[in-house]
Amino acid sequence: MITFDLENHVPHLPPQLSFLIQFVVMGKTIHQIVVDEGASTCVMSISCWKVIGSPPISQSLNTLESFDGIGFLPYGILSSLPIDLEGKNVNSEGEVVDENLNYNLLLG
């Protein structure tokens, strides 16, 4: 049996820190993916959307707001985004945006 004593545990990283990793999305390895549990939606750059083959998207009526308060309209919504990491498959919905981003995909 393995046990962990968390009573005196001091976290090394703050909980708001995002992770920058890579996933396989629709058969393509995508780099510069940010995982942020505090994000309210998944956001994909339009260049990343094109790399995965420009799958069908639908119109979005949402206005997205970045952390600095700037609002913008998404290019569209990708209703089914299959993501594979280490043999685990997840389907997610994502907002495709035509904006300058520091990442290819933000997973909220």
N, C-alpha and C. Protein backbone atom coordinates (compact mmCIF):
# COMPACT_ATOMS: atom_id res chain seq x y z
N MET A 1 0.85 -1.17 0.00
CA MET A 1 0.00 0.00 0.00
C MET A 1 0.90 1.24 0.00
N ILE A 2 0.52 2.22 -0.79
CA ILE A 2 1.23 3.49 -0.84
C ILE A 2 0.35 4.55 -0.20
N THR A 3 0.93 5.33 0.69
CA THR A 3 0.19 6.43 1.31
C THR A 3 0.99 7.71 1.16
N PHE A 4 0.31 8.81 1.16
CA PHE A 4 0.93 10.12 1.04
C PHE A 4 0.52 10.98 2.23
N ASP A 5 1.49 11.60 2.86
CA ASP A 5 1.21 12.51 3.97
C ASP A 5 1.14 13.92 3.40
N LEU A 6 -0.08 14.45 3.25
CA LEU A 6 -0.26 15.77 2.67
C LEU A 6 -0.38 16.87 3.73
N GLU A 7 -0.30 16.49 4.98
CA GLU A 7 -0.47 17.46 6.05
C GLU A 7 0.56 18.59 5.97
N ASN A 8 1.81 18.25 5.68
CA ASN A 8 2.88 19.24 5.61
C ASN A 8 3.30 19.55 4.18
N HIS A 9 2.46 19.19 3.24
CA HIS A 9 2.78 19.39 1.82
C HIS A 9 2.69 20.87 1.44
N VAL A 10 3.71 21.35 0.75
CA VAL A 10 3.72 22.71 0.23
C VAL A 10 3.73 22.60 -1.29
N PRO A 11 2.68 23.11 -1.98
CA PRO A 11 2.66 23.01 -3.44
C PRO A 11 3.83 23.77 -4.05
N HIS A 12 4.41 23.19 -5.11
CA HIS A 12 5.55 23.82 -5.79
C HIS A 12 5.09 24.83 -6.83
N LEU A 13 3.89 24.64 -7.37
CA LEU A 13 3.37 25.52 -8.41
C LEU A 13 2.03 26.11 -7.98
N PRO A 14 1.75 27.35 -8.34
CA PRO A 14 0.45 27.93 -7.99
C PRO A 14 -0.66 27.24 -8.78
N PRO A 15 -1.86 27.13 -8.21
CA PRO A 15 -2.95 26.42 -8.89
C PRO A 15 -3.43 27.09 -10.17
N GLN A 16 -3.18 28.39 -10.32
CA GLN A 16 -3.62 29.08 -11.52
C GLN A 16 -2.66 28.93 -12.70
N LEU A 17 -1.54 28.23 -12.49
CA LEU A 17 -0.56 28.04 -13.55
C LEU A 17 -1.11 27.10 -14.62
N SER A 18 -0.98 27.48 -15.86
CA SER A 18 -1.41 26.65 -16.98
C SER A 18 -0.25 25.79 -17.45
N PHE A 19 -0.57 24.68 -18.10
CA PHE A 19 0.45 23.79 -18.65
C PHE A 19 0.50 23.93 -20.16
N LEU A 20 1.69 23.97 -20.72
CA LEU A 20 1.89 24.07 -22.16
C LEU A 20 2.35 22.70 -22.64
N ILE A 21 1.48 22.00 -23.39
CA ILE A 21 1.75 20.63 -23.79
C ILE A 21 1.39 20.42 -25.25
N GLN A 22 1.47 19.17 -25.71
CA GLN A 22 1.06 18.85 -27.08
C GLN A 22 0.08 17.69 -27.04
N PHE A 23 -0.89 17.70 -27.97
CA PHE A 23 -1.89 16.65 -28.12
C PHE A 23 -1.95 16.24 -29.57
N VAL A 24 -2.58 15.11 -29.81
CA VAL A 24 -2.94 14.73 -31.17
C VAL A 24 -4.40 15.10 -31.35
N VAL A 25 -4.66 15.96 -32.33
CA VAL A 25 -6.02 16.44 -32.61
C VAL A 25 -6.33 16.08 -34.05
N MET A 26 -7.32 15.23 -34.25
CA MET A 26 -7.74 14.79 -35.57
C MET A 26 -6.55 14.26 -36.39
N GLY A 27 -5.70 13.49 -35.73
CA GLY A 27 -4.57 12.86 -36.41
C GLY A 27 -3.35 13.74 -36.58
N LYS A 28 -3.39 14.97 -36.14
CA LYS A 28 -2.25 15.90 -36.26
C LYS A 28 -1.73 16.24 -34.87
N THR A 29 -0.41 16.23 -34.71
CA THR A 29 0.18 16.64 -33.44
C THR A 29 0.18 18.15 -33.38
N ILE A 30 -0.47 18.69 -32.37
CA ILE A 30 -0.56 20.13 -32.19
C ILE A 30 0.28 20.52 -30.98
N HIS A 31 1.19 21.45 -31.19
CA HIS A 31 2.05 21.95 -30.13
C HIS A 31 1.46 23.25 -29.59
N GLN A 32 1.99 23.71 -28.50
CA GLN A 32 1.58 24.96 -27.86
C GLN A 32 0.10 24.94 -27.48
N ILE A 33 -0.26 23.91 -26.71
CA ILE A 33 -1.60 23.81 -26.17
C ILE A 33 -1.54 24.19 -24.70
N VAL A 34 -2.45 25.04 -24.30
CA VAL A 34 -2.53 25.49 -22.91
C VAL A 34 -3.73 24.81 -22.27
N VAL A 35 -3.51 24.18 -21.12
CA VAL A 35 -4.59 23.60 -20.33
C VAL A 35 -4.83 24.54 -19.16
N ASP A 36 -6.04 25.07 -19.08
CA ASP A 36 -6.37 26.04 -18.05
C ASP A 36 -7.75 25.73 -17.52
N GLU A 37 -7.82 25.13 -16.34
CA GLU A 37 -9.11 24.76 -15.76
C GLU A 37 -9.97 25.97 -15.44
N GLY A 38 -9.39 27.15 -15.39
CA GLY A 38 -10.16 28.36 -15.10
C GLY A 38 -10.82 28.96 -16.34
N ALA A 39 -10.46 28.47 -17.53
CA ALA A 39 -11.05 29.01 -18.76
C ALA A 39 -12.48 28.50 -18.91
N SER A 40 -13.35 29.34 -19.42
CA SER A 40 -14.76 28.97 -19.55
C SER A 40 -15.08 28.29 -20.87
N THR A 41 -14.13 28.25 -21.79
CA THR A 41 -14.35 27.61 -23.08
C THR A 41 -13.02 27.14 -23.65
N CYS A 42 -13.09 26.34 -24.70
CA CYS A 42 -11.89 25.95 -25.44
C CYS A 42 -11.75 26.90 -26.62
N VAL A 43 -10.54 27.36 -26.89
CA VAL A 43 -10.30 28.32 -27.95
C VAL A 43 -9.19 27.79 -28.86
N MET A 44 -9.44 27.79 -30.16
CA MET A 44 -8.48 27.31 -31.15
C MET A 44 -8.17 28.43 -32.14
N SER A 45 -6.90 28.58 -32.45
CA SER A 45 -6.52 29.57 -33.46
C SER A 45 -6.99 29.10 -34.83
N ILE A 46 -7.26 30.04 -35.71
CA ILE A 46 -7.73 29.68 -37.05
C ILE A 46 -6.64 28.94 -37.83
N SER A 47 -5.38 29.25 -37.56
CA SER A 47 -4.29 28.54 -38.25
C SER A 47 -4.25 27.07 -37.81
N CYS A 48 -4.50 26.80 -36.54
CA CYS A 48 -4.56 25.43 -36.04
C CYS A 48 -5.75 24.70 -36.67
N TRP A 49 -6.89 25.36 -36.77
CA TRP A 49 -8.09 24.79 -37.39
C TRP A 49 -7.80 24.39 -38.84
N LYS A 50 -7.04 25.20 -39.54
CA LYS A 50 -6.69 24.89 -40.93
C LYS A 50 -5.74 23.69 -40.99
N VAL A 51 -4.81 23.60 -40.05
CA VAL A 51 -3.86 22.48 -40.02
C VAL A 51 -4.58 21.15 -39.83
N ILE A 52 -5.63 21.13 -39.02
CA ILE A 52 -6.35 19.87 -38.78
C ILE A 52 -7.37 19.57 -39.88
N GLY A 53 -7.35 20.36 -40.96
CA GLY A 53 -8.20 20.06 -42.12
C GLY A 53 -9.45 20.90 -42.25
N SER A 54 -9.56 21.97 -41.50
CA SER A 54 -10.72 22.87 -41.57
C SER A 54 -12.04 22.12 -41.45
N PRO A 55 -12.22 21.34 -40.36
CA PRO A 55 -13.50 20.63 -40.20
C PRO A 55 -14.66 21.63 -40.10
N PRO A 56 -15.87 21.17 -40.40
CA PRO A 56 -17.03 22.09 -40.40
C PRO A 56 -17.22 22.79 -39.05
N ILE A 57 -17.53 24.06 -39.14
CA ILE A 57 -17.85 24.85 -37.95
C ILE A 57 -19.20 25.51 -38.15
N SER A 58 -19.82 25.88 -37.05
CA SER A 58 -21.09 26.58 -37.12
C SER A 58 -20.91 27.99 -36.59
N GLN A 59 -21.87 28.84 -36.90
CA GLN A 59 -21.80 30.24 -36.50
C GLN A 59 -21.87 30.35 -34.97
N SER A 60 -21.12 31.27 -34.44
CA SER A 60 -21.13 31.51 -33.00
C SER A 60 -21.73 32.88 -32.72
N LEU A 61 -22.62 32.92 -31.75
CA LEU A 61 -23.21 34.19 -31.32
C LEU A 61 -22.55 34.70 -30.05
N ASN A 62 -21.55 33.96 -29.57
CA ASN A 62 -20.84 34.34 -28.35
C ASN A 62 -19.87 35.48 -28.60
N THR A 63 -19.66 36.29 -27.61
CA THR A 63 -18.57 37.25 -27.61
C THR A 63 -17.58 36.76 -26.56
N LEU A 64 -16.35 36.53 -26.97
CA LEU A 64 -15.32 36.07 -26.03
C LEU A 64 -14.60 37.28 -25.46
N GLU A 65 -14.19 37.15 -24.22
CA GLU A 65 -13.46 38.24 -23.58
C GLU A 65 -12.16 37.68 -23.01
N SER A 66 -11.05 38.29 -23.39
CA SER A 66 -9.75 37.84 -22.89
C SER A 66 -9.54 38.35 -21.48
N PHE A 67 -8.49 37.86 -20.84
CA PHE A 67 -8.22 38.23 -19.45
C PHE A 67 -8.02 39.73 -19.27
N ASP A 68 -7.61 40.42 -20.35
CA ASP A 68 -7.38 41.87 -20.24
C ASP A 68 -8.62 42.69 -20.61
N GLY A 69 -9.76 42.02 -20.79
CA GLY A 69 -11.02 42.71 -21.02
C GLY A 69 -11.35 43.00 -22.47
N ILE A 70 -10.51 42.61 -23.40
CA ILE A 70 -10.77 42.85 -24.81
C ILE A 70 -11.72 41.78 -25.33
N GLY A 71 -12.82 42.21 -25.95
CA GLY A 71 -13.81 41.28 -26.48
C GLY A 71 -13.64 41.09 -27.98
N PHE A 72 -13.98 39.90 -28.46
CA PHE A 72 -13.94 39.62 -29.89
C PHE A 72 -14.91 38.51 -30.22
N LEU A 73 -15.32 38.45 -31.47
CA LEU A 73 -16.24 37.42 -31.94
C LEU A 73 -15.47 36.26 -32.51
N PRO A 74 -15.85 35.03 -32.17
CA PRO A 74 -15.18 33.86 -32.74
C PRO A 74 -15.52 33.72 -34.22
N TYR A 75 -14.64 33.09 -34.96
CA TYR A 75 -14.87 32.77 -36.37
C TYR A 75 -15.99 31.76 -36.49
N GLY A 76 -16.07 30.85 -35.53
CA GLY A 76 -17.12 29.84 -35.50
C GLY A 76 -16.90 28.85 -34.37
N ILE A 77 -17.83 27.89 -34.25
CA ILE A 77 -17.75 26.87 -33.21
C ILE A 77 -17.51 25.51 -33.86
N LEU A 78 -16.50 24.84 -33.38
CA LEU A 78 -16.20 23.48 -33.80
C LEU A 78 -16.89 22.57 -32.78
N SER A 79 -17.98 21.93 -33.20
CA SER A 79 -18.82 21.21 -32.24
C SER A 79 -18.22 19.90 -31.75
N SER A 80 -17.33 19.29 -32.53
CA SER A 80 -16.73 18.04 -32.10
C SER A 80 -15.23 18.09 -32.38
N LEU A 81 -14.47 18.20 -31.31
CA LEU A 81 -13.02 18.28 -31.40
C LEU A 81 -12.42 17.07 -30.71
N PRO A 82 -12.09 16.00 -31.47
CA PRO A 82 -11.53 14.80 -30.85
C PRO A 82 -10.05 15.00 -30.49
N ILE A 83 -9.73 14.79 -29.23
CA ILE A 83 -8.38 15.00 -28.71
C ILE A 83 -7.86 13.67 -28.15
N ASP A 84 -6.61 13.34 -28.46
CA ASP A 84 -6.00 12.10 -27.99
C ASP A 84 -4.71 12.43 -27.25
N LEU A 85 -4.60 11.91 -26.03
CA LEU A 85 -3.39 12.09 -25.25
C LEU A 85 -3.09 10.77 -24.54
N GLU A 86 -1.96 10.18 -24.88
CA GLU A 86 -1.53 8.94 -24.25
C GLU A 86 -2.62 7.87 -24.30
N GLY A 87 -3.31 7.75 -25.43
CA GLY A 87 -4.32 6.72 -25.60
C GLY A 87 -5.69 7.05 -25.04
N LYS A 88 -5.84 8.18 -24.39
CA LYS A 88 -7.14 8.61 -23.89
C LYS A 88 -7.75 9.56 -24.90
N ASN A 89 -9.01 9.32 -25.23
CA ASN A 89 -9.70 10.14 -26.22
C ASN A 89 -10.81 10.94 -25.55
N VAL A 90 -10.88 12.22 -25.90
CA VAL A 90 -11.89 13.11 -25.36
C VAL A 90 -12.46 13.92 -26.51
N ASN A 91 -13.77 14.13 -26.52
CA ASN A 91 -14.39 15.03 -27.48
C ASN A 91 -14.73 16.31 -26.77
N SER A 92 -14.43 17.42 -27.40
CA SER A 92 -14.70 18.72 -26.81
C SER A 92 -15.27 19.64 -27.87
N GLU A 93 -15.86 20.73 -27.43
CA GLU A 93 -16.34 21.78 -28.33
C GLU A 93 -15.35 22.93 -28.23
N GLY A 94 -15.08 23.60 -29.34
CA GLY A 94 -14.11 24.68 -29.31
C GLY A 94 -14.53 25.87 -30.14
N GLU A 95 -14.10 27.03 -29.72
CA GLU A 95 -14.34 28.27 -30.45
C GLU A 95 -13.11 28.54 -31.32
N VAL A 96 -13.31 28.69 -32.61
CA VAL A 96 -12.23 29.01 -33.53
C VAL A 96 -12.16 30.53 -33.64
N VAL A 97 -10.96 31.08 -33.43
CA VAL A 97 -10.81 32.54 -33.46
C VAL A 97 -9.75 32.96 -34.46
N ASP A 98 -10.00 34.08 -35.09
CA ASP A 98 -9.07 34.67 -36.05
C ASP A 98 -8.41 35.86 -35.37
N GLU A 99 -7.62 35.56 -34.33
CA GLU A 99 -6.94 36.58 -33.53
C GLU A 99 -5.50 36.13 -33.31
N ASN A 100 -4.64 37.06 -32.97
CA ASN A 100 -3.26 36.72 -32.62
C ASN A 100 -3.25 36.10 -31.23
N LEU A 101 -2.84 34.84 -31.15
CA LEU A 101 -2.80 34.13 -29.89
C LEU A 101 -1.37 33.67 -29.62
N ASN A 102 -1.05 33.44 -28.36
CA ASN A 102 0.26 32.91 -27.98
C ASN A 102 0.24 31.39 -27.90
N TYR A 103 -0.84 30.78 -28.34
CA TYR A 103 -1.01 29.33 -28.29
C TYR A 103 -1.85 28.91 -29.48
N ASN A 104 -1.89 27.60 -29.74
CA ASN A 104 -2.72 27.08 -30.83
C ASN A 104 -4.09 26.65 -30.32
N LEU A 105 -4.13 26.15 -29.09
CA LEU A 105 -5.38 25.64 -28.53
C LEU A 105 -5.36 25.86 -27.03
N LEU A 106 -6.44 26.42 -26.52
CA LEU A 106 -6.64 26.59 -25.09
C LEU A 106 -7.73 25.62 -24.67
N LEU A 107 -7.39 24.68 -23.81
CA LEU A 107 -8.39 23.73 -23.31
C LEU A 107 -8.84 24.18 -21.92
N GLY A 108 -10.10 24.53 -21.83
CA GLY A 108 -10.66 24.97 -20.56
C GLY A 108 -11.32 23.85 -19.82
